Amino acid sequence: MFTTKRIATGIALAAAVTLVLTGCGSSSGAGDPTDVDPEGEIEPRAISWLLSRPADGGVITAMEQIAEEYAAEHPGFELELITTPDRPSYIQKYETLAAANRLPELFDTDATPFAQKLAEQGRMVDVDLLLEDLGFADDYREAALNYQRFDDGSLYMVPFEFQLEFFWYNSDLFDQAGVEVPSTLDDFAPMCEALRAEGITPIALDGADGWPLERYMAYYPFRQAGPEYVQELKVGEASFSDAPGRAAAEWLYGLGQAGCFQEGFSSTGYADAQAQFTSGRAAVYNIGTWELTNLATDNLDAGVRDAIDYFTLPTIEGAVTADNEYVTPSGIGMAVNSSTYDPLVRDFLRYALERYPSMVAESGALSPTVGVDTTIPDNATPLYSRAIEQADNVGPAIAMPWDTQLDPATNTRLQQELTLLVQGDITPDEFIETMDAALTENVG
């Protein structure tokens, strides 16, 4: 069976720590991360998973069902899901529990420098070895696993999702303004100016949450220098004043000057930004395939449905990454605590990872594995199938979302400064100076 505890953001961290301590097993610091097939009997007990996912999302829904099935065969087993969807609150809780050696059997984490330190301390099971031992290593999409890897190529997180991020656009509005799909990133500003001249909002943006605008910061450096730039930036081996960072700052400033985003974008939330696009008030919307049911089915307003299409991340002159390489995230990964890893945890993971791909595919979502066909909803438009099929033609390099790479303090400052940059409140030089100072302070 399973039990779920949904912890409100405002609950004191001490209370959250106390809650997790009640069901986390061993509190020792590390086990053997390479011992993926420990000896011993499978003895059912309660295990916990510290999560940062929507409580009603597809991953949790599937894993709840899987846990129920496993418990029916192993009386006494429980999977306690401890959810904190708010990412900043989750990170605070996760890092506090890690510092106290009180992480549960399973816990969510991105491939951050903090997580890599845990791996270097031997506190996370080697997932490359685990998947090989369970016979699943060849089942996973290369891009799904690469998204979870640390910069040195090691793998300590299991992916449960696979997404593609596109620029959705309204072809009727493009025709009205006489513009075409941009071939390069440098075509964005002229595109925006032409749309503005026709009274059309060029790009709908969720500016309130920070990360959507931060995606735009990642695009130019990824095309110009590849994924290595942010890898070096986050550890202080590169700076915002380097060519890729400066190019990104100047490009974003130019987007702001061209009026690319809606007025008041900084206070526009996720739902409102999407509504601007789906109602035909904005021409472009940058979002992932997790929104397929809203953008590629008859849930979409009939007035715009036939005009909606998408394009992938445009290139630049002299790009070092391929056209089929862009933002292809596999979501936050699940790490396995080496100190609490035992025959039960291994056996449950074997069962769960075997059952999960077909269950997620049946829900209409992309699986992080190959060999399962996504079920296309009966009310889907042709775009749904095309987007799903595109997952089979993505390259290995990934434009990593910077909010999963930078330390929390630098990331928060970056999101603040990006808004000021696009609004024209600061210049690219001022942006670069501020961000390099923040990077030096926080990384140092």
Protein backbone atom coordinates (compact mmCIF):
# COMPACT_ATOMS: atom_id res chain seq x y z
CA MET A 1 0.00 0.00 0.00
CA PHE A 2 1.03 3.64 0.01
CA THR A 3 0.51 6.65 2.19
CA THR A 4 0.81 10.24 1.08
CA LYS A 5 1.77 13.24 3.18
CA ARG A 6 1.38 16.60 1.46
CA ILE A 7 3.43 19.15 3.30
CA ALA A 8 2.40 22.77 2.91
CA THR A 9 5.11 25.21 1.95
CA GLY A 10 4.62 27.25 5.08
CA ILE A 11 5.24 24.44 7.57
CA ALA A 12 8.38 24.99 9.57
CA LEU A 13 11.42 23.11 8.31
CA ALA A 14 11.97 21.54 11.71
CA ALA A 15 8.55 19.96 11.52
CA ALA A 16 9.33 18.62 8.06
CA VAL A 17 12.55 17.08 9.33
CA THR A 18 10.68 15.43 12.19
CA LEU A 19 8.12 14.04 9.77
CA VAL A 20 10.73 12.48 7.51
CA LEU A 21 12.63 10.99 10.44
CA THR A 22 9.63 8.80 11.27
CA GLY A 23 10.02 6.61 8.21
CA CYS A 24 13.44 6.86 6.65
CA GLY A 25 15.27 3.82 7.90
CA SER A 26 18.98 4.08 8.62
CA SER A 27 20.52 7.45 9.39
CA SER A 28 24.09 6.48 8.59
CA GLY A 29 25.94 8.62 6.09
CA ALA A 30 26.81 6.20 3.27
CA GLY A 31 26.71 2.63 2.10
CA ASP A 32 28.43 1.06 -0.89
CA PRO A 33 27.10 2.82 -4.01
CA THR A 34 28.39 0.01 -6.23
CA ASP A 35 26.72 -2.85 -4.32
CA VAL A 36 23.56 -2.86 -6.42
CA ASP A 37 22.59 -6.47 -5.66
CA PRO A 38 22.94 -6.84 -1.88
CA GLU A 39 22.59 -10.25 -0.27
CA GLY A 40 19.72 -11.07 2.04
CA GLU A 41 16.02 -11.75 2.16
CA ILE A 42 13.35 -9.36 0.96
CA GLU A 43 11.70 -8.18 4.16
CA PRO A 44 8.70 -5.90 3.49
CA ARG A 45 8.59 -2.64 5.42
CA ALA A 46 7.65 0.99 4.86
CA ILE A 47 10.03 3.00 2.69
CA SER A 48 9.86 6.71 1.85
CA TRP A 49 10.30 8.85 -1.24
CA LEU A 50 11.01 12.55 -0.77
CA LEU A 51 9.42 14.17 -3.83
CA SER A 52 9.33 17.46 -5.66
CA ARG A 53 6.52 16.72 -8.10
CA PRO A 54 2.85 17.68 -8.44
CA ALA A 55 0.87 15.50 -6.05
CA ASP A 56 -1.71 14.76 -8.76
CA GLY A 57 0.80 14.46 -11.60
CA GLY A 58 1.39 11.47 -13.80
CA VAL A 59 4.55 10.22 -12.07
CA ILE A 60 2.98 10.07 -8.62
CA THR A 61 -0.27 8.62 -9.96
CA ALA A 62 1.56 5.78 -11.66
CA MET A 63 3.89 5.10 -8.74
CA GLU A 64 0.97 4.99 -6.30
CA GLN A 65 -0.66 2.29 -8.39
CA ILE A 66 2.61 0.38 -8.72
CA ALA A 67 3.16 0.54 -4.96
CA GLU A 68 -0.33 -0.86 -4.35
CA GLU A 69 0.34 -3.74 -6.73
CA TYR A 70 3.69 -4.49 -5.11
CA ALA A 71 2.19 -4.34 -1.60
CA ALA A 72 -0.46 -6.88 -2.61
CA GLU A 73 2.36 -9.32 -3.33
CA HIS A 74 4.48 -8.21 -0.36
CA PRO A 75 2.25 -7.64 2.70
CA GLY A 76 3.79 -5.12 5.05
CA PHE A 77 5.25 -2.97 2.27
CA GLU A 78 4.32 0.71 2.11
CA LEU A 79 5.62 3.54 -0.03
CA GLU A 80 5.28 6.84 1.77
CA LEU A 81 5.31 9.75 -0.66
CA ILE A 82 6.43 12.97 1.00
CA THR A 83 5.64 15.71 -1.48
CA THR A 84 6.76 19.32 -1.66
CA PRO A 85 5.99 20.58 -5.18
CA ASP A 86 7.31 24.08 -4.40
CA ARG A 87 10.89 23.73 -5.62
CA PRO A 88 12.68 26.28 -3.37
CA SER A 89 11.05 24.80 -0.26
CA TYR A 90 11.92 21.32 -1.44
CA ILE A 91 15.56 22.15 -2.01
CA GLN A 92 15.83 23.64 1.48
CA LYS A 93 14.31 20.52 3.03
CA TYR A 94 16.37 18.13 0.93
CA GLU A 95 19.68 19.82 1.68
CA THR A 96 18.90 20.06 5.40
CA LEU A 97 18.07 16.36 5.60
CA ALA A 98 21.19 15.50 3.63
CA ALA A 99 23.35 17.53 6.02
CA ALA A 100 21.84 15.59 8.92
CA ASN A 101 22.28 12.21 7.16
CA ARG A 102 18.51 11.75 7.31
CA LEU A 103 17.54 11.35 3.68
CA PRO A 104 14.95 8.63 3.02
CA GLU A 105 15.39 5.57 0.83
CA LEU A 106 14.46 7.51 -2.31
CA PHE A 107 14.71 11.25 -2.95
CA ASP A 108 14.36 13.66 -5.84
CA THR A 109 17.29 15.74 -7.03
CA ASP A 110 18.61 17.48 -10.11
CA ALA A 111 22.19 16.94 -11.23
CA THR A 112 23.43 19.90 -9.20
CA PRO A 113 26.85 20.46 -7.61
CA PHE A 114 25.24 19.69 -4.24
CA ALA A 115 23.97 16.33 -5.49
CA GLN A 116 27.35 15.54 -6.99
CA LYS A 117 28.95 16.07 -3.58
CA LEU A 118 26.54 13.50 -2.13
CA ALA A 119 27.53 11.08 -4.88
CA GLU A 120 31.23 11.70 -4.25
CA GLN A 121 30.62 10.91 -0.58
CA GLY A 122 29.16 7.54 -1.57
CA ARG A 123 25.67 8.43 -0.41
CA MET A 124 23.82 7.64 -3.65
CA VAL A 125 23.59 4.32 -5.47
CA ASP A 126 25.33 4.25 -8.87
CA VAL A 127 22.35 4.20 -11.26
CA ASP A 128 24.43 3.13 -14.27
CA LEU A 129 25.30 -0.03 -12.35
CA LEU A 130 21.78 -0.40 -10.98
CA LEU A 131 20.09 -0.24 -14.39
CA GLU A 132 22.66 -2.66 -15.82
CA ASP A 133 22.08 -5.08 -12.94
CA LEU A 134 18.30 -4.91 -13.34
CA GLY A 135 18.54 -5.41 -17.10
CA PHE A 136 17.09 -2.01 -18.00
CA ALA A 137 20.21 -0.14 -19.15
CA ASP A 138 19.41 -0.40 -22.85
CA ASP A 139 15.76 0.53 -22.41
CA TYR A 140 16.29 4.23 -21.66
CA ARG A 141 16.51 7.04 -24.18
CA GLU A 142 20.05 8.38 -24.37
CA ALA A 143 18.84 11.96 -23.92
CA ALA A 144 16.74 11.00 -20.89
CA LEU A 145 19.77 9.54 -19.12
CA ASN A 146 22.12 12.31 -20.27
CA TYR A 147 19.87 14.91 -18.68
CA GLN A 148 20.39 13.18 -15.31
CA ARG A 149 24.15 12.77 -15.60
CA PHE A 150 26.68 14.86 -13.75
CA ASP A 151 29.22 16.80 -15.76
CA ASP A 152 31.73 13.94 -15.44
CA GLY A 153 29.25 11.57 -17.11
CA SER A 154 28.34 9.60 -13.99
CA LEU A 155 24.70 8.70 -13.40
CA TYR A 156 23.05 8.67 -9.97
CA MET A 157 19.42 9.55 -10.78
CA VAL A 158 16.64 7.60 -12.48
CA PRO A 159 14.46 9.58 -14.94
CA PHE A 160 10.68 9.21 -14.85
CA GLU A 161 9.81 11.69 -17.58
CA PHE A 162 10.89 12.77 -21.03
CA GLN A 163 9.84 16.07 -22.55
CA LEU A 164 10.59 18.15 -25.62
CA GLU A 165 10.39 21.94 -25.43
CA PHE A 166 9.08 23.72 -28.51
CA PHE A 167 8.14 27.18 -29.68
CA TRP A 168 4.42 26.89 -30.41
CA TYR A 169 3.16 29.50 -32.84
CA ASN A 170 -0.03 30.76 -34.48
CA SER A 171 0.40 30.60 -38.25
CA ASP A 172 -2.58 32.92 -38.87
CA LEU A 173 -0.90 35.66 -36.83
CA PHE A 174 2.40 35.02 -38.62
CA ASP A 175 0.64 35.38 -41.97
CA GLN A 176 -1.07 38.57 -40.81
CA ALA A 177 2.31 40.11 -39.96
CA GLY A 178 4.07 38.66 -43.01
CA VAL A 179 6.66 36.76 -40.96
CA GLU A 180 8.04 33.26 -41.23
CA VAL A 181 9.30 30.80 -38.66
CA PRO A 182 12.68 32.18 -37.50
CA SER A 183 15.65 30.32 -38.95
CA THR A 184 18.08 31.73 -36.39
CA LEU A 185 17.84 33.24 -32.94
CA ASP A 186 18.81 36.57 -34.48
CA ASP A 187 15.54 36.48 -36.46
CA PHE A 188 13.52 36.80 -33.24
CA ALA A 189 13.78 40.57 -32.81
CA PRO A 190 12.72 41.39 -36.41
CA MET A 191 9.88 38.88 -36.06
CA CYS A 192 8.70 40.62 -32.89
CA GLU A 193 8.86 44.06 -34.48
CA ALA A 194 6.76 42.92 -37.44
CA LEU A 195 4.15 41.36 -35.17
CA ARG A 196 4.07 44.46 -32.97
CA ALA A 197 3.46 46.60 -36.04
CA GLU A 198 0.25 44.63 -36.59
CA GLY A 199 -0.86 45.07 -32.98
CA ILE A 200 -0.02 41.46 -32.09
CA THR A 201 1.75 40.41 -28.90
CA PRO A 202 4.75 38.46 -30.21
CA ILE A 203 5.55 36.07 -27.35
CA ALA A 204 3.49 35.05 -24.32
CA LEU A 205 5.76 34.65 -21.29
CA ASP A 206 5.21 33.46 -17.73
CA GLY A 207 7.50 36.04 -16.16
CA ALA A 208 6.27 35.58 -12.60
CA ASP A 209 7.92 32.18 -12.15
CA GLY A 210 11.37 33.19 -13.37
CA TRP A 211 12.40 29.96 -15.08
CA PRO A 212 10.63 30.57 -18.45
CA LEU A 213 12.66 33.73 -19.08
CA GLU A 214 15.76 31.94 -17.83
CA ARG A 215 15.25 29.39 -20.63
CA TYR A 216 15.87 32.21 -23.10
CA MET A 217 19.14 33.01 -21.32
CA ALA A 218 20.30 29.45 -22.02
CA TYR A 219 19.59 29.40 -25.75
CA TYR A 220 22.32 31.56 -27.27
CA PRO A 221 25.16 30.08 -25.15
CA PHE A 222 24.00 26.56 -25.99
CA ARG A 223 24.13 27.25 -29.72
CA GLN A 224 27.38 29.22 -29.50
CA ALA A 225 29.39 27.16 -27.02
CA GLY A 226 27.43 23.98 -26.28
CA PRO A 227 26.43 22.63 -22.86
CA GLU A 228 29.96 23.09 -21.51
CA TYR A 229 29.49 26.81 -20.95
CA VAL A 230 26.95 26.52 -18.14
CA GLN A 231 28.90 23.57 -16.70
CA GLU A 232 31.90 25.86 -16.32
CA LEU A 233 29.82 28.87 -15.30
CA LYS A 234 28.21 27.17 -12.32
CA VAL A 235 31.57 26.27 -10.77
CA GLY A 236 33.20 29.64 -11.46
CA GLU A 237 35.38 28.47 -14.33
CA ALA A 238 33.53 30.75 -16.76
CA SER A 239 31.90 34.13 -16.35
CA PHE A 240 28.93 36.05 -17.72
CA SER A 241 31.40 38.40 -19.38
CA ASP A 242 32.69 35.57 -21.57
CA ALA A 243 31.51 35.61 -25.18
CA PRO A 244 28.53 33.22 -24.72
CA GLY A 245 27.23 35.10 -21.68
CA ARG A 246 27.64 38.48 -23.30
CA ALA A 247 25.94 37.28 -26.49
CA ALA A 248 22.99 36.02 -24.44
CA ALA A 249 22.68 39.29 -22.51
CA GLU A 250 22.76 41.37 -25.67
CA TRP A 251 20.27 39.08 -27.44
CA LEU A 252 17.82 39.25 -24.53
CA TYR A 253 18.19 43.01 -24.27
CA GLY A 254 17.40 43.17 -27.97
CA LEU A 255 14.27 41.06 -27.47
CA GLY A 256 13.13 43.50 -24.84
CA GLN A 257 13.80 46.50 -27.07
CA ALA A 258 11.82 44.82 -29.86
CA GLY A 259 8.82 44.37 -27.57
CA CYS A 260 8.91 40.59 -27.84
CA PHE A 261 7.05 39.91 -24.59
CA GLN A 262 3.66 41.13 -23.44
CA GLU A 263 3.31 44.27 -21.35
CA GLY A 264 3.53 43.38 -17.67
CA PHE A 265 5.19 40.04 -18.41
CA SER A 266 7.04 40.08 -15.08
CA SER A 267 3.78 39.67 -13.15
CA THR A 268 2.09 37.27 -15.60
CA GLY A 269 1.69 33.73 -14.25
CA TYR A 270 1.78 30.37 -15.99
CA ALA A 271 -1.94 30.00 -16.68
CA ASP A 272 -2.37 33.58 -17.89
CA ALA A 273 0.58 33.35 -20.27
CA GLN A 274 -0.78 30.15 -21.75
CA ALA A 275 -4.24 31.70 -22.07
CA GLN A 276 -2.80 34.62 -24.05
CA PHE A 277 -1.49 32.16 -26.61
CA THR A 278 -4.41 29.75 -26.70
CA SER A 279 -6.89 32.60 -27.09
CA GLY A 280 -5.03 33.95 -30.12
CA ARG A 281 -3.74 37.10 -28.43
CA ALA A 282 -0.06 36.12 -28.69
CA ALA A 283 1.80 34.59 -31.61
CA VAL A 284 4.44 32.42 -29.89
CA TYR A 285 4.60 30.39 -26.68
CA ASN A 286 7.67 28.46 -25.50
CA ILE A 287 6.66 25.38 -23.50
CA GLY A 288 7.17 21.62 -23.34
CA THR A 289 5.24 18.53 -24.36
CA TRP A 290 3.79 18.26 -20.88
CA GLU A 291 1.19 20.69 -22.27
CA LEU A 292 0.21 18.50 -25.22
CA THR A 293 -3.29 17.92 -23.89
CA ASN A 294 -3.88 21.68 -23.90
CA LEU A 295 -2.12 22.52 -27.15
CA ALA A 296 -2.66 19.48 -29.38
CA THR A 297 -6.17 18.22 -28.62
CA ASP A 298 -9.69 19.57 -28.98
CA ASN A 299 -9.22 21.17 -25.57
CA LEU A 300 -7.69 23.99 -27.57
CA ASP A 301 -10.06 26.76 -28.64
CA ALA A 302 -11.56 25.89 -32.01
CA GLY A 303 -10.89 29.43 -33.20
CA VAL A 304 -7.13 28.88 -33.17
CA ARG A 305 -6.83 25.08 -33.28
CA ASP A 306 -6.08 24.75 -36.99
CA ALA A 307 -3.51 27.57 -36.89
CA ILE A 308 -1.29 26.14 -34.14
CA ASP A 309 2.05 24.59 -35.06
CA TYR A 310 5.52 24.47 -33.50
CA PHE A 311 9.20 24.87 -34.32
CA THR A 312 12.27 23.77 -32.40
CA LEU A 313 15.07 25.94 -31.05
CA PRO A 314 16.55 27.93 -33.96
CA THR A 315 20.26 27.86 -34.57
CA ILE A 316 22.83 30.66 -34.99
CA GLU A 317 25.62 31.24 -37.46
CA GLY A 318 28.55 29.06 -36.46
CA ALA A 319 26.51 26.95 -34.02
CA VAL A 320 28.37 24.09 -32.32
CA THR A 321 25.18 22.13 -31.54
CA ALA A 322 22.92 20.37 -34.03
CA ASP A 323 19.45 21.49 -35.05
CA ASN A 324 17.92 18.45 -33.28
CA GLU A 325 19.62 19.33 -30.01
CA TYR A 326 17.63 21.63 -27.76
CA VAL A 327 15.86 21.48 -24.38
CA THR A 328 14.86 17.83 -23.91
CA PRO A 329 14.51 17.40 -20.15
CA SER A 330 13.69 14.21 -18.29
CA GLY A 331 12.57 16.09 -15.21
CA ILE A 332 13.91 15.91 -11.71
CA GLY A 333 15.51 12.53 -11.13
CA MET A 334 15.10 10.01 -8.33
CA ALA A 335 18.21 9.13 -6.32
CA VAL A 336 18.59 6.00 -4.22
CA ASN A 337 20.08 6.34 -0.74
CA SER A 338 23.04 3.95 -0.51
CA SER A 339 22.82 3.69 3.29
CA THR A 340 19.26 2.31 3.22
CA TYR A 341 19.56 0.30 0.01
CA ASP A 342 18.76 -3.36 0.66
CA PRO A 343 17.10 -6.33 -1.10
CA LEU A 344 13.63 -4.85 -0.58
CA VAL A 345 14.49 -1.47 -2.14
CA ARG A 346 16.19 -3.23 -5.04
CA ASP A 347 13.25 -5.55 -5.63
CA PHE A 348 10.71 -2.73 -5.48
CA LEU A 349 12.75 -0.67 -7.97
CA ARG A 350 12.98 -3.69 -10.28
CA TYR A 351 9.21 -4.07 -10.17
CA ALA A 352 8.49 -0.35 -10.50
CA LEU A 353 10.90 0.33 -13.36
CA GLU A 354 9.51 -2.63 -15.29
CA ARG A 355 5.86 -1.53 -14.85
CA TYR A 356 6.26 2.22 -15.13
CA PRO A 357 7.02 2.76 -18.86
CA SER A 358 3.82 1.16 -20.13
CA MET A 359 1.74 2.96 -17.52
CA VAL A 360 3.10 6.41 -18.38
CA ALA A 361 2.77 5.72 -22.12
CA GLU A 362 -0.87 4.73 -21.65
CA SER A 363 -1.49 8.12 -20.07
CA GLY A 364 -0.53 9.86 -23.32
CA ALA A 365 2.88 11.00 -22.11
CA LEU A 366 6.33 10.22 -23.41
CA SER A 367 8.19 7.50 -21.54
CA PRO A 368 11.88 7.97 -20.69
CA THR A 369 12.35 4.54 -22.23
CA VAL A 370 12.12 3.23 -25.78
CA GLY A 371 10.06 0.25 -26.84
CA VAL A 372 6.69 1.53 -25.60
CA ASP A 373 4.22 3.41 -27.75
CA THR A 374 2.55 6.50 -26.35
CA THR A 375 -1.22 6.27 -26.50
CA ILE A 376 -2.51 9.17 -28.57
CA PRO A 377 -5.80 10.51 -27.16
CA ASP A 378 -8.89 10.16 -29.31
CA ASN A 379 -9.34 13.94 -29.29
CA ALA A 380 -5.77 14.71 -30.39
CA THR A 381 -4.90 16.94 -33.33
CA PRO A 382 -2.20 15.82 -35.81
CA LEU A 383 0.33 17.86 -33.83
CA TYR A 384 0.13 15.40 -30.93
CA SER A 385 1.47 12.47 -32.95
CA ARG A 386 4.06 14.63 -34.66
CA ALA A 387 5.41 15.87 -31.34
CA ILE A 388 5.58 12.33 -29.95
CA GLU A 389 7.36 11.06 -33.06
CA GLN A 390 9.91 13.86 -32.80
CA ALA A 391 11.20 12.30 -29.57
CA ASP A 392 12.86 9.60 -31.67
CA ASN A 393 15.01 12.17 -33.46
CA VAL A 394 16.76 14.20 -30.80
CA GLY A 395 20.51 14.53 -30.44
CA PRO A 396 22.56 13.70 -27.33
CA ALA A 397 23.51 17.29 -26.37
CA ILE A 398 20.93 19.02 -24.18
CA ALA A 399 20.31 22.71 -23.58
CA MET A 400 20.14 22.31 -19.82
CA PRO A 401 17.71 24.56 -17.95
CA TRP A 402 19.93 26.88 -15.97
CA ASP A 403 17.67 26.84 -12.92
CA THR A 404 18.70 23.20 -12.43
CA GLN A 405 22.40 24.02 -12.81
CA LEU A 406 23.22 27.21 -10.90
CA ASP A 407 23.38 27.45 -7.13
CA PRO A 408 20.14 28.78 -5.60
CA ALA A 409 21.51 32.23 -4.69
CA THR A 410 22.99 32.89 -8.14
CA ASN A 411 19.88 31.52 -9.81
CA THR A 412 17.58 33.81 -7.83
CA ARG A 413 19.70 36.84 -8.67
CA LEU A 414 19.82 35.84 -12.34
CA GLN A 415 16.04 35.66 -12.59
CA GLN A 416 15.73 39.10 -10.99
CA GLU A 417 18.31 40.69 -13.25
CA LEU A 418 16.92 39.09 -16.41
CA THR A 419 13.59 40.83 -15.84
CA LEU A 420 15.36 44.17 -15.44
CA LEU A 421 17.45 43.51 -18.55
CA VAL A 422 14.49 42.68 -20.78
CA GLN A 423 12.51 45.63 -19.40
CA GLY A 424 15.40 47.91 -20.34
CA ASP A 425 15.99 48.98 -16.75
CA ILE A 426 19.64 47.91 -16.97
CA THR A 427 22.08 47.53 -19.86
CA PRO A 428 23.83 44.32 -20.88
CA ASP A 429 27.05 45.64 -19.33
CA GLU A 430 25.32 46.33 -16.02
CA PHE A 431 23.68 42.91 -16.12
CA ILE A 432 27.02 41.20 -16.73
CA GLU A 433 28.78 43.12 -13.98
CA THR A 434 26.08 42.29 -11.44
CA MET A 435 25.92 38.61 -12.36
CA ASP A 436 29.68 38.11 -12.34
CA ALA A 437 29.80 39.64 -8.87
CA ALA A 438 27.01 37.36 -7.69
CA LEU A 439 28.72 34.33 -9.20
CA THR A 440 32.01 35.18 -7.52
CA GLU A 441 30.33 35.65 -4.15
CA ASN A 442 28.16 32.54 -4.26
CA VAL A 443 30.50 30.07 -5.91
CA GLY A 444 33.44 31.29 -3.88
